Structures are given as C-alpha cells and as structure tokens.
Amino acid sequence: MQGPLGLHRVHFAFTITFHYIFPQLTMGLALLLVYLKTKALRTGDEHYNRAARFWAKIFGVNFLLGVVTGIPMEFQFGTNWAEFSKTAGGVIGQTLAMEGIFSFFLESTFLGLFLFGEKRLGRVGHWWAGFFVWLGSWLSGYLIVATDAWMQYPVGYTRGLNGEFLPSSFSKLLLNRWALWQYAHTMLGAMQTGCFVMAAVGAFYLLTKRFESYGKTFVKAGVLVGVVASILQLAPTGDMQGKMIANFQPPTLAAMEGLFQTQDGAPIAILGQPDVPARKLDNPLVVPNMLSFLTYRNWKAHVRGLDSFAQDQWPDQIPLLYYSYHVMVGLGTIFIAVLVLAAWLLWRGRLYTSQWMLWILMLCLPLPYIANTAGWMTAELGRQPWLIFGLMRTATGFSPRVSSGNTLFTLLGFMGVYALLTILFLFLVYREIEHGPEPEESNRQPLAVAAD
C-alpha cells in the first residue's frame, strides 16, 4: 500500500487494533462479574463478593483505557476517511450515535455504582448494577458490530440526490442478518479473552501458592465458561459466519482459503503459503473435499476460486488475509483443546494440582488477543477492495486533502502516546494482581508473608 491511501489504512488499522485490546476484555469480564455476583447472591459466601471486587478494579482500569483509545478512533472517520463519512454518515451515524448515547452511558453509569456503591445498594442492588454493566458493554458491542456489518452487507438504505447513503429501514439496519452472526462470533471471542485472563491469573496464584482459594475460583470460572464459549465459537457461529461469506462475498472466501482455482470437491488448506503471482499455494497441506463439505454440506460441491472473479474484485492483501484467517482458526482449535482438557482435569479433581496444565493456562493469556485481532483483520481485509461491499471502494473513501506527511506524523504521534498508555496499563494491572484480592476472614497475613 503506497501513498496517502495506504497510510490512512495503516493509521486506522493501528488505532482500532490497539483500541480493541481493551473492549474485548471489558465485554468478557462483564459476564464473569455477573457470574461471580450471582454465586455470591445464591450461596451467601462473601468469598465471591471479594473476588468480584478484585476483578472490578481490573475492569475499571481496562474500561478507562478503552475510553481513552476509543475517542480518537471516532474522530478518525472525519480526519482519515472524510469522503466515506460524507457519503455514508447518514447510515453509520445512527448506530455510532446510539452506541455513545445509550450503551456507553448505561455502562459507565452503572460501573460507577458497581465500583463505589456496594454498601448503599445492598446485595441485590449491587447485583443489578453488575448486570447493567454487562448489558451496557454488550449493547455497545452490538451497535459497533452492526455498523461494521452494514459495511459488509449493506441493507436498509436509499441513495440521496448527491449519491449519499440514507437509512430507509431502521429495523433492517439493526437486525442485519450479517450483524447477528458476526455479533455472536465477536462476543464469544471476547468471552474467551475474559476467561483466559481470569484463568491465567488464577493459575498464577496457584503456582505461586498465594491467594489459593481465589486462584481456584478464578481457574474454575475461566475454564467452565471458556470451554462453552470456545465450542460455540466454532459452531454454530463460526460456521454460519463462513456461510455468510460464501454466499455474499465469494472472492473473500477464495482468498481466505487460498483457493485460486475453481473446483468441485474443493480441499481445505491446513498449511501453505499463497503465491499470488503464480496463483497457487506453495507447500500445501490440504484435506480433500473438506471446503466443499463445510461450505455447502456436499463433499463434491462446486466452490468458486479466485479465477472466477475479475482481479479488481480480489482482496488486495491476499497473503495477509490468508495468514490472519489461518491464525484465527488455528488458535481457536488450540483453545478448544486446552479448555476441554482443563475441564476434564477439573471434573477429575486434578486441575488445581496439575502444574503443567496451570502453566499452559497462564501462558495462553496473550493468545485470545492475537486470535481476536486476527479475526478482525480477516473481516476487514476480506471486505477489500470495498469500504461498503459492492457500493463504495476503499480508494474513494479516504481524505484526499490530508497529505502523506500529515498522516505519517500523526501515526508516529499515536504510536508514541499509545506506547506510554501500554506501560501505564501494564503497571496498573500488575499492581492489582500483585496486591491480590482481599484476604479471607481466616487468612489475613500480610502480602509479604503470603509470598514467602
């Protein structure tokens, strides 16, 4: 990608990728906070309230960084993508405004009550505060996904006198069938991030023999919720998302799979390196007929390769798209294997003493972030060369009056500021994990003693 357009794409990609580090954990932890508060309400055990208070602090730090990095991203629609904003703002402005006005304020208001109002609200009232934090975060996620889904599969619009897009059906915009499956897939990815983070912290406490009762609670919650999320991520949500791509973005499917030639009984590539000029996969490791079966439930189904489409309809970053997709799928498979094995050990009563499994859970902590990033890269690279699929090309949507020099200058500035934010975030989270949850009533020894 050369020139201003390439820099605008890199700038926005960097901003949104860094920003999404935080919402995925926020949305994942929100559900787990409700889980812990529900356990506290049903059992009357204060242990679960203390566990929820510990994660609420990390949630608050994460939420704050998400807000700080999310605001500049909103402005980039105007600074980097002015033509797109002018043309499509009448549609995407609806869902983005709703996200800011309704879901963000719902989440932030009740987060304040959840963090500081526990004594005044009482046990039931505090549970409801946690519930509305979860509802606000997941509603925010839906409205953002609905915005992206309209760019993937535009529905419910008309064209104005100057060619701009105007909403014609609010229900079609909000209930876009692409959005429904993409949202489910996205939320399950966020849940896996939350589960692996919680399980990793619990595993750390068990391995270091600190806060062991909390470590067991964190590992159990992360594994039990995570194993369900990881399986549902594969099917039905991943399967249905793939079918949507096959039906409405067939060049994307071919590029994701490295399928250059149209075939009956198309194979699925486990490994291989796409050679775009030669239009083939190098060193392929394939499962015969599997792509035809997974896509159309027919082992010999006809699957269109890239040769069926004009080259100007191909995604413009096929190798990066191919690798992103395979990283996402590969890590998703690893998550299922790890969590199913951990759940089996939990059922057998051996998980908390299996140091090798605890190490695996702890070392898996960064992998959901990589998988979620690869998933979003697959979605956005796959839509290229369109900003709005089939209607507006990416090359016509950027800000033509913003020079390459200005774009590069602000990109470097963002990188510097975000590097500082990363250090701040890691320091604050490390401090909370090192301090740990509140001591149990029968175990109030100082941290220095507990660490020995």
Protein backbone atom coordinates (compact mmCIF):
# COMPACT_ATOMS: atom_id res chain seq x y z
CA MET A 1 0.00 0.00 0.00
CA GLN A 2 1.67 3.15 -1.23
CA GLY A 3 0.81 6.84 -0.91
CA PRO A 4 -1.80 8.59 1.24
CA LEU A 5 -4.40 5.81 0.94
CA GLY A 6 -2.01 3.20 2.31
CA LEU A 7 -1.01 5.42 5.22
CA HIS A 8 -4.64 6.19 6.05
CA ARG A 9 -5.37 2.47 6.14
CA VAL A 10 -2.36 1.72 8.34
CA HIS A 11 -3.22 4.63 10.65
CA PHE A 12 -6.80 3.49 11.20
CA ALA A 13 -5.76 -0.16 11.48
CA PHE A 14 -3.22 0.69 14.17
CA THR A 15 -5.69 2.83 16.13
CA ILE A 16 -8.54 0.35 16.06
CA THR A 17 -6.32 -2.68 16.74
CA PHE A 18 -4.80 -1.05 19.81
CA HIS A 19 -8.22 0.12 20.99
CA TYR A 20 -9.77 -3.34 20.72
CA ILE A 21 -7.25 -4.73 23.21
CA PHE A 22 -9.46 -3.19 25.91
CA PRO A 23 -13.13 -3.69 24.88
CA GLN A 24 -12.67 -7.42 24.34
CA LEU A 25 -11.55 -7.85 27.95
CA THR A 26 -14.25 -5.47 29.19
CA MET A 27 -17.01 -7.42 27.45
CA GLY A 28 -15.57 -10.75 28.56
CA LEU A 29 -15.08 -9.76 32.19
CA ALA A 30 -18.53 -8.14 32.41
CA LEU A 31 -20.22 -11.53 32.08
CA LEU A 32 -17.80 -13.12 34.53
CA LEU A 33 -18.51 -10.38 37.07
CA VAL A 34 -22.20 -11.23 36.84
CA TYR A 35 -21.26 -14.90 37.30
CA LEU A 36 -19.32 -14.13 40.49
CA LYS A 37 -22.04 -11.84 41.86
CA THR A 38 -24.67 -14.48 41.12
CA LYS A 39 -22.64 -17.06 43.04
CA ALA A 40 -22.36 -14.62 45.95
CA LEU A 41 -26.10 -13.95 45.92
CA ARG A 42 -27.08 -17.61 45.74
CA THR A 43 -24.58 -19.00 48.24
CA GLY A 44 -24.26 -16.05 50.62
CA ASP A 45 -20.49 -16.64 50.56
CA GLU A 46 -18.57 -13.37 50.86
CA HIS A 47 -15.65 -15.02 49.06
CA TYR A 48 -17.37 -14.42 45.73
CA ASN A 49 -18.06 -10.77 46.53
CA ARG A 50 -14.39 -10.24 47.32
CA ALA A 51 -13.46 -12.00 44.08
CA ALA A 52 -15.85 -9.73 42.15
CA ARG A 53 -14.38 -6.62 43.81
CA PHE A 54 -10.89 -7.68 42.73
CA TRP A 55 -11.91 -8.10 39.09
CA ALA A 56 -13.98 -4.93 39.18
CA LYS A 57 -10.77 -2.96 39.78
CA ILE A 58 -9.08 -4.53 36.75
CA PHE A 59 -12.29 -3.99 34.78
CA GLY A 60 -12.23 -0.29 35.73
CA VAL A 61 -8.62 0.17 34.60
CA ASN A 62 -9.37 -1.63 31.35
CA PHE A 63 -12.56 0.39 30.77
CA LEU A 64 -10.68 3.66 31.28
CA LEU A 65 -8.04 2.76 28.69
CA GLY A 66 -10.78 1.67 26.31
CA VAL A 67 -12.43 5.09 26.56
CA VAL A 68 -9.14 6.96 26.11
CA THR A 69 -8.23 4.98 22.98
CA GLY A 70 -11.76 4.86 21.59
CA ILE A 71 -12.39 8.61 21.34
CA PRO A 72 -9.60 9.30 18.79
CA MET A 73 -10.85 6.39 16.71
CA GLU A 74 -14.26 8.04 16.34
CA PHE A 75 -12.65 11.25 15.12
CA GLN A 76 -10.63 9.34 12.53
CA PHE A 77 -13.76 8.85 10.47
CA GLY A 78 -13.50 12.56 9.75
CA THR A 79 -9.75 13.02 9.63
CA ASN A 80 -8.76 9.89 7.66
CA TRP A 81 -11.99 8.90 5.90
CA ALA A 82 -13.76 12.15 5.13
CA GLU A 83 -15.28 11.03 1.82
CA PHE A 84 -16.63 7.87 3.41
CA SER A 85 -18.08 9.83 6.33
CA LYS A 86 -19.71 12.33 4.00
CA THR A 87 -21.23 9.60 1.85
CA ALA A 88 -22.22 7.02 4.48
CA GLY A 89 -22.52 9.12 7.63
CA GLY A 90 -26.31 9.22 7.38
CA VAL A 91 -26.40 5.46 7.97
CA ILE A 92 -23.46 4.61 10.19
CA GLY A 93 -24.02 7.75 12.25
CA GLN A 94 -27.24 6.19 13.55
CA THR A 95 -25.62 3.19 15.20
CA LEU A 96 -22.49 5.04 16.31
CA ALA A 97 -24.58 7.75 17.99
CA MET A 98 -26.71 5.14 19.74
CA GLU A 99 -23.57 3.41 20.98
CA GLY A 100 -22.28 6.64 22.51
CA ILE A 101 -25.55 7.97 23.90
CA PHE A 102 -27.21 4.81 25.16
CA SER A 103 -24.86 1.91 25.75
CA PHE A 104 -21.75 3.84 26.80
CA PHE A 105 -23.62 5.93 29.35
CA LEU A 106 -25.50 2.88 30.61
CA GLU A 107 -22.25 1.00 31.13
CA SER A 108 -20.29 3.90 32.62
CA THR A 109 -23.08 5.00 34.99
CA PHE A 110 -23.61 1.56 36.45
CA LEU A 111 -19.87 0.88 36.54
CA GLY A 112 -19.57 3.83 38.92
CA LEU A 113 -22.32 2.35 41.08
CA PHE A 114 -20.71 -1.08 40.92
CA LEU A 115 -17.29 0.22 41.95
CA PHE A 116 -18.34 2.65 44.68
CA GLY A 117 -21.93 1.89 45.69
CA GLU A 118 -21.86 -1.64 47.07
CA LYS A 119 -22.69 -0.70 50.67
CA ARG A 120 -25.52 1.65 49.71
CA LEU A 121 -27.04 -0.62 47.08
CA GLY A 122 -27.08 -3.80 49.14
CA ARG A 123 -26.52 -7.31 47.85
CA VAL A 124 -29.39 -7.40 45.35
CA GLY A 125 -28.92 -3.82 44.18
CA HIS A 126 -25.22 -4.42 43.61
CA TRP A 127 -26.02 -7.50 41.52
CA TRP A 128 -28.29 -5.36 39.34
CA ALA A 129 -25.52 -2.78 38.95
CA GLY A 130 -23.23 -5.54 37.67
CA PHE A 131 -25.96 -6.80 35.37
CA PHE A 132 -26.41 -3.37 33.77
CA VAL A 133 -22.65 -3.00 33.35
CA TRP A 134 -22.74 -6.26 31.40
CA LEU A 135 -25.82 -5.18 29.44
CA GLY A 136 -24.27 -1.83 28.54
CA SER A 137 -20.98 -3.36 27.41
CA TRP A 138 -22.67 -6.00 25.26
CA LEU A 139 -25.14 -3.48 23.80
CA SER A 140 -22.17 -1.29 22.89
CA GLY A 141 -20.59 -4.26 21.17
CA TYR A 142 -23.74 -4.94 19.17
CA LEU A 143 -24.08 -1.41 17.87
CA ILE A 144 -20.44 -1.30 16.78
CA VAL A 145 -20.77 -4.68 15.08
CA ALA A 146 -23.99 -3.54 13.38
CA THR A 147 -22.06 -0.59 11.96
CA ASP A 148 -19.38 -2.86 10.55
CA ALA A 149 -21.96 -5.40 9.34
CA TRP A 150 -23.66 -2.73 7.22
CA MET A 151 -20.33 -2.13 5.50
CA GLN A 152 -20.03 -5.89 4.92
CA TYR A 153 -23.63 -6.46 3.83
CA PRO A 154 -25.43 -3.14 3.24
CA VAL A 155 -29.21 -3.23 3.76
CA GLY A 156 -31.97 -0.76 4.62
CA TYR A 157 -30.64 2.25 2.71
CA THR A 158 -31.52 4.56 -0.18
CA ARG A 159 -29.39 6.92 -2.25
CA GLY A 160 -29.81 10.69 -1.88
CA LEU A 161 -29.68 13.32 -4.59
CA ASN A 162 -25.90 13.64 -4.29
CA GLY A 163 -25.25 9.90 -4.09
CA GLU A 164 -25.09 9.77 -0.31
CA PHE A 165 -26.48 6.80 1.61
CA LEU A 166 -29.58 7.43 3.71
CA PRO A 167 -31.37 4.98 6.04
CA SER A 168 -34.67 3.67 4.74
CA SER A 169 -35.35 0.97 7.33
CA PHE A 170 -34.04 1.27 10.85
CA SER A 171 -35.08 -2.30 11.68
CA LYS A 172 -33.15 -3.71 8.71
CA LEU A 173 -30.08 -1.75 9.79
CA LEU A 174 -30.22 -3.03 13.37
CA LEU A 175 -31.34 -6.59 12.54
CA ASN A 176 -28.99 -7.12 9.62
CA ARG A 177 -28.51 -10.90 9.43
CA TRP A 178 -24.78 -10.38 8.94
CA ALA A 179 -24.71 -8.44 12.21
CA LEU A 180 -26.47 -11.17 14.19
CA TRP A 181 -23.92 -13.88 13.41
CA GLN A 182 -20.94 -11.51 13.46
CA TYR A 183 -22.03 -10.22 16.87
CA ALA A 184 -22.37 -13.72 18.34
CA HIS A 185 -18.94 -14.63 16.98
CA THR A 186 -17.40 -11.41 18.33
CA MET A 187 -18.89 -11.75 21.81
CA LEU A 188 -17.72 -15.33 22.12
CA GLY A 189 -14.23 -14.14 21.21
CA ALA A 190 -14.45 -11.51 23.95
CA MET A 191 -15.66 -14.14 26.42
CA GLN A 192 -12.63 -16.29 25.62
CA THR A 193 -10.35 -13.34 26.33
CA GLY A 194 -12.02 -12.73 29.68
CA CYS A 195 -11.95 -16.43 30.56
CA PHE A 196 -8.30 -16.94 29.67
CA VAL A 197 -7.27 -13.79 31.56
CA MET A 198 -9.19 -14.89 34.65
CA ALA A 199 -7.90 -18.46 34.43
CA ALA A 200 -4.34 -17.25 33.86
CA VAL A 201 -4.40 -15.06 36.97
CA GLY A 202 -5.88 -17.93 38.96
CA ALA A 203 -3.21 -20.29 37.66
CA PHE A 204 -0.54 -17.76 38.63
CA TYR A 205 -1.86 -17.62 42.20
CA LEU A 206 -1.98 -21.42 42.46
CA LEU A 207 1.53 -21.84 41.06
CA THR A 208 2.95 -19.21 43.45
CA LYS A 209 0.80 -20.52 46.34
CA ARG A 210 -0.74 -17.13 47.03
CA PHE A 211 -4.47 -16.43 47.41
CA GLU A 212 -5.07 -20.08 46.58
CA SER A 213 -8.79 -20.08 47.36
CA TYR A 214 -9.25 -17.25 44.88
CA GLY A 215 -6.95 -18.96 42.40
CA LYS A 216 -9.23 -21.99 42.40
CA THR A 217 -12.30 -19.81 41.90
CA PHE A 218 -10.71 -17.91 39.01
CA VAL A 219 -9.45 -21.03 37.26
CA LYS A 220 -12.78 -22.82 37.64
CA ALA A 221 -14.82 -19.86 36.35
CA GLY A 222 -12.47 -19.25 33.43
CA VAL A 223 -12.39 -22.89 32.37
CA LEU A 224 -16.11 -23.63 32.71
CA VAL A 225 -17.31 -20.53 30.88
CA GLY A 226 -14.41 -20.63 28.44
CA VAL A 227 -14.98 -24.21 27.26
CA VAL A 228 -18.58 -23.38 26.32
CA ALA A 229 -17.53 -20.18 24.56
CA SER A 230 -14.75 -21.87 22.60
CA ILE A 231 -17.00 -24.64 21.28
CA LEU A 232 -19.78 -22.20 20.33
CA GLN A 233 -17.15 -20.06 18.61
CA LEU A 234 -16.51 -22.93 16.22
CA ALA A 235 -20.13 -23.93 15.70
CA PRO A 236 -22.64 -22.57 15.09
CA THR A 237 -21.26 -19.01 14.98
CA GLY A 238 -18.03 -19.58 13.06
CA ASP A 239 -19.74 -21.98 10.68
CA MET A 240 -22.59 -19.58 9.95
CA GLN A 241 -20.23 -16.64 9.52
CA GLY A 242 -18.34 -18.69 6.96
CA LYS A 243 -21.55 -19.47 5.10
CA MET A 244 -22.44 -15.78 5.01
CA ILE A 245 -19.07 -15.03 3.43
CA ALA A 246 -19.51 -17.88 0.93
CA ASN A 247 -22.94 -16.60 -0.11
CA PHE A 248 -22.33 -12.86 -0.22
CA GLN A 249 -18.54 -12.36 -0.50
CA PRO A 250 -17.29 -15.35 -2.54
CA PRO A 251 -13.97 -13.68 -3.54
CA THR A 252 -13.26 -13.28 0.17
CA LEU A 253 -13.81 -16.98 0.85
CA ALA A 254 -11.50 -17.96 -2.01
CA ALA A 255 -8.75 -15.64 -0.76
CA MET A 256 -9.11 -16.76 2.87
CA GLU A 257 -8.72 -20.38 1.84
CA GLY A 258 -6.02 -19.77 -0.77
CA LEU A 259 -8.29 -21.28 -3.42
CA PHE A 260 -7.02 -19.91 -6.72
CA GLN A 261 -8.75 -22.42 -9.00
CA THR A 262 -12.47 -23.19 -9.08
CA GLN A 263 -13.05 -26.81 -8.10
CA ASP A 264 -15.67 -29.47 -7.49
CA GLY A 265 -14.80 -31.06 -4.18
CA ALA A 266 -12.55 -28.20 -3.07
CA PRO A 267 -9.97 -29.01 -0.39
CA ILE A 268 -9.32 -27.00 2.74
CA ALA A 269 -5.76 -25.83 3.31
CA ILE A 270 -4.31 -26.55 6.75
CA LEU A 271 -0.91 -25.12 5.80
CA GLY A 272 0.61 -23.45 2.77
CA GLN A 273 1.95 -20.16 1.51
CA PRO A 274 -0.06 -18.26 -1.11
CA ASP A 275 1.91 -17.27 -4.22
CA VAL A 276 -0.40 -14.69 -5.76
CA PRO A 277 1.58 -14.01 -8.99
CA ALA A 278 1.73 -17.75 -9.70
CA ARG A 279 -1.85 -18.21 -8.46
CA LYS A 280 -1.11 -21.24 -6.29
CA LEU A 281 -0.35 -22.39 -2.77
CA ASP A 282 3.22 -23.42 -2.08
CA ASN A 283 3.87 -26.45 0.13
CA PRO A 284 0.18 -27.13 0.70
CA LEU A 285 -1.15 -29.47 3.36
CA VAL A 286 -4.81 -29.98 2.48
CA VAL A 287 -7.83 -32.07 3.46
CA PRO A 288 -9.51 -33.16 0.21
CA ASN A 289 -13.16 -32.11 -0.39
CA MET A 290 -13.43 -30.55 3.09
CA LEU A 291 -14.05 -26.94 1.95
CA SER A 292 -16.93 -28.09 -0.25
CA PHE A 293 -18.45 -30.01 2.66
CA LEU A 294 -18.04 -27.28 5.27
CA THR A 295 -19.42 -24.64 2.95
CA TYR A 296 -22.26 -26.47 1.20
CA ARG A 297 -22.58 -29.77 3.14
CA ASN A 298 -21.70 -31.64 -0.04
CA TRP A 299 -18.33 -33.34 -0.49
CA LYS A 300 -18.29 -32.58 -4.22
CA ALA A 301 -19.89 -29.14 -4.20
CA HIS A 302 -18.72 -26.54 -6.71
CA VAL A 303 -16.61 -23.84 -4.99
CA ARG A 304 -15.56 -20.76 -6.93
CA GLY A 305 -11.89 -19.89 -6.79
CA LEU A 306 -10.27 -16.53 -7.43
CA ASP A 307 -10.05 -17.35 -11.13
CA SER A 308 -13.86 -16.92 -11.29
CA PHE A 309 -13.62 -13.21 -10.49
CA ALA A 310 -12.05 -10.22 -12.17
CA GLN A 311 -8.78 -9.38 -10.46
CA ASP A 312 -10.05 -5.93 -9.44
CA GLN A 313 -12.59 -7.78 -7.27
CA TRP A 314 -9.92 -9.69 -5.36
CA PRO A 315 -8.95 -8.64 -1.83
CA ASP A 316 -5.81 -6.55 -2.24
CA GLN A 317 -3.83 -8.17 0.59
CA ILE A 318 -4.39 -11.86 -0.08
CA PRO A 319 -1.33 -13.24 1.80
CA LEU A 320 -2.10 -11.19 4.92
CA LEU A 321 -5.78 -12.17 4.73
CA TYR A 322 -4.89 -15.84 4.29
CA TYR A 323 -2.49 -15.86 7.25
CA SER A 324 -4.84 -13.88 9.51
CA TYR A 325 -7.64 -16.32 8.85
CA HIS A 326 -5.46 -19.35 9.49
CA VAL A 327 -4.03 -17.85 12.70
CA MET A 328 -7.59 -17.23 13.93
CA VAL A 329 -8.76 -20.76 13.11
CA GLY A 330 -5.58 -22.38 14.41
CA LEU A 331 -5.74 -20.60 17.75
CA GLY A 332 -9.46 -21.31 18.05
CA THR A 333 -8.70 -25.01 17.68
CA ILE A 334 -5.99 -24.77 20.33
CA PHE A 335 -8.44 -23.04 22.71
CA ILE A 336 -10.93 -25.88 22.39
CA ALA A 337 -8.23 -28.48 23.06
CA VAL A 338 -6.78 -26.64 26.06
CA LEU A 339 -10.10 -25.84 27.70
CA VAL A 340 -11.67 -29.26 27.12
CA LEU A 341 -8.58 -30.87 28.68
CA ALA A 342 -8.67 -28.41 31.59
CA ALA A 343 -12.40 -29.06 32.12
CA TRP A 344 -11.72 -32.82 32.17
CA LEU A 345 -9.00 -32.35 34.79
CA LEU A 346 -11.37 -30.14 36.80
CA TRP A 347 -14.03 -32.86 36.67
CA ARG A 348 -11.47 -35.42 37.82
CA GLY A 349 -10.42 -33.14 40.70
CA ARG A 350 -6.85 -32.83 39.44
CA LEU A 351 -6.73 -29.41 37.77
CA TYR A 352 -5.58 -27.37 40.77
CA THR A 353 -2.59 -29.67 41.37
CA SER A 354 -1.61 -30.22 37.72
CA GLN A 355 1.20 -27.72 37.44
CA TRP A 356 1.76 -28.40 33.74
CA MET A 357 -1.87 -27.52 32.96
CA LEU A 358 -1.72 -24.42 35.12
CA TRP A 359 1.38 -23.32 33.22
CA ILE A 360 -0.44 -23.85 29.93
CA LEU A 361 -3.41 -21.76 31.12
CA MET A 362 -1.11 -18.99 32.28
CA LEU A 363 0.98 -18.93 29.10
CA CYS A 364 -2.17 -18.88 26.95
CA LEU A 365 -3.04 -15.41 28.27
CA PRO A 366 -1.93 -13.41 25.17
CA LEU A 367 -3.35 -15.88 22.64
CA PRO A 368 -7.01 -14.71 22.69
CA TYR A 369 -5.82 -11.16 21.98
CA ILE A 370 -3.92 -12.44 18.95
CA ALA A 371 -6.89 -14.54 17.82
CA ASN A 372 -9.35 -11.65 18.13
CA THR A 373 -7.01 -9.33 16.27
CA ALA A 374 -6.54 -11.91 13.52
CA GLY A 375 -10.31 -12.34 13.33
CA TRP A 376 -10.95 -8.65 12.82
CA MET A 377 -8.14 -8.48 10.27
CA THR A 378 -9.83 -11.32 8.40
CA ALA A 379 -13.15 -9.46 8.39
CA GLU A 380 -11.73 -6.11 7.29
CA LEU A 381 -9.11 -7.33 4.82
CA GLY A 382 -11.65 -9.71 3.36
CA ARG A 383 -14.02 -6.86 2.51
CA GLN A 384 -11.40 -5.10 0.42
CA PRO A 385 -11.27 -3.51 -2.11
CA TRP A 386 -14.58 -2.16 -0.77
CA LEU A 387 -15.34 0.15 2.12
CA ILE A 388 -19.02 -0.66 1.61
CA PHE A 389 -19.15 -4.02 -0.09
CA GLY A 390 -20.21 -3.68 -3.70
CA LEU A 391 -21.06 0.01 -3.35
CA MET A 392 -18.04 2.12 -2.40
CA ARG A 393 -14.40 1.32 -2.99
CA THR A 394 -11.78 1.98 -0.34
CA ALA A 395 -9.79 4.11 -2.79
CA THR A 396 -12.67 6.64 -3.00
CA GLY A 397 -13.35 6.93 0.73
CA PHE A 398 -10.22 8.42 2.27
CA SER A 399 -9.48 12.11 2.97
CA PRO A 400 -7.82 13.40 -0.21
CA ARG A 401 -6.70 16.70 1.31
CA VAL A 402 -4.74 15.10 4.16
CA SER A 403 -1.20 14.55 2.89
CA SER A 404 1.02 11.55 3.44
CA GLY A 405 3.32 13.67 5.63
CA ASN A 406 0.48 14.73 7.92
CA THR A 407 -0.81 11.18 8.18
CA LEU A 408 2.62 9.75 8.98
CA PHE A 409 3.28 12.48 11.55
CA THR A 410 0.07 11.74 13.46
CA LEU A 411 0.61 7.98 13.15
CA LEU A 412 4.02 8.29 14.81
CA GLY A 413 2.50 10.52 17.47
CA PHE A 414 -0.24 7.97 18.18
CA MET A 415 2.36 5.22 18.44
CA GLY A 416 4.33 7.19 21.00
CA VAL A 417 1.31 8.07 23.12
CA TYR A 418 -0.06 4.55 22.95
CA ALA A 419 3.29 3.13 23.99
CA LEU A 420 3.05 5.23 27.16
CA LEU A 421 -0.54 4.10 27.69
CA THR A 422 0.58 0.48 27.37
CA ILE A 423 3.20 0.97 30.08
CA LEU A 424 0.61 2.66 32.33
CA PHE A 425 -1.94 -0.10 31.75
CA LEU A 426 0.52 -2.91 32.46
CA PHE A 427 1.75 -1.16 35.60
CA LEU A 428 -1.77 -0.65 36.99
CA VAL A 429 -2.89 -4.19 36.24
CA TYR A 430 0.35 -5.64 37.63
CA ARG A 431 -0.15 -3.67 40.82
CA GLU A 432 -3.67 -5.02 41.27
CA ILE A 433 -2.61 -8.62 40.59
CA GLU A 434 0.38 -8.29 42.94
CA HIS A 435 -1.80 -6.84 45.68
CA GLY A 436 -4.37 -9.55 45.10
CA PRO A 437 -7.95 -9.91 46.33
CA GLU A 438 -8.99 -9.07 49.85
CA PRO A 439 -7.73 -11.67 52.34
CA GLU A 440 -10.16 -14.32 53.52
CA GLU A 441 -11.52 -13.77 57.00
CA SER A 442 -9.41 -16.61 58.37
CA ASN A 443 -6.26 -15.65 56.49
CA ARG A 444 -5.28 -12.04 56.94
CA GLN A 445 -1.50 -12.37 56.79
CA PRO A 446 0.39 -9.54 55.05
CA LEU A 447 1.27 -9.93 51.38
CA ALA A 448 5.00 -10.19 52.12
CA VAL A 449 4.37 -13.19 54.37
CA ALA A 450 1.95 -14.82 51.93
CA ALA A 451 4.51 -14.51 49.14
CA ASP A 452 7.22 -16.40 51.04
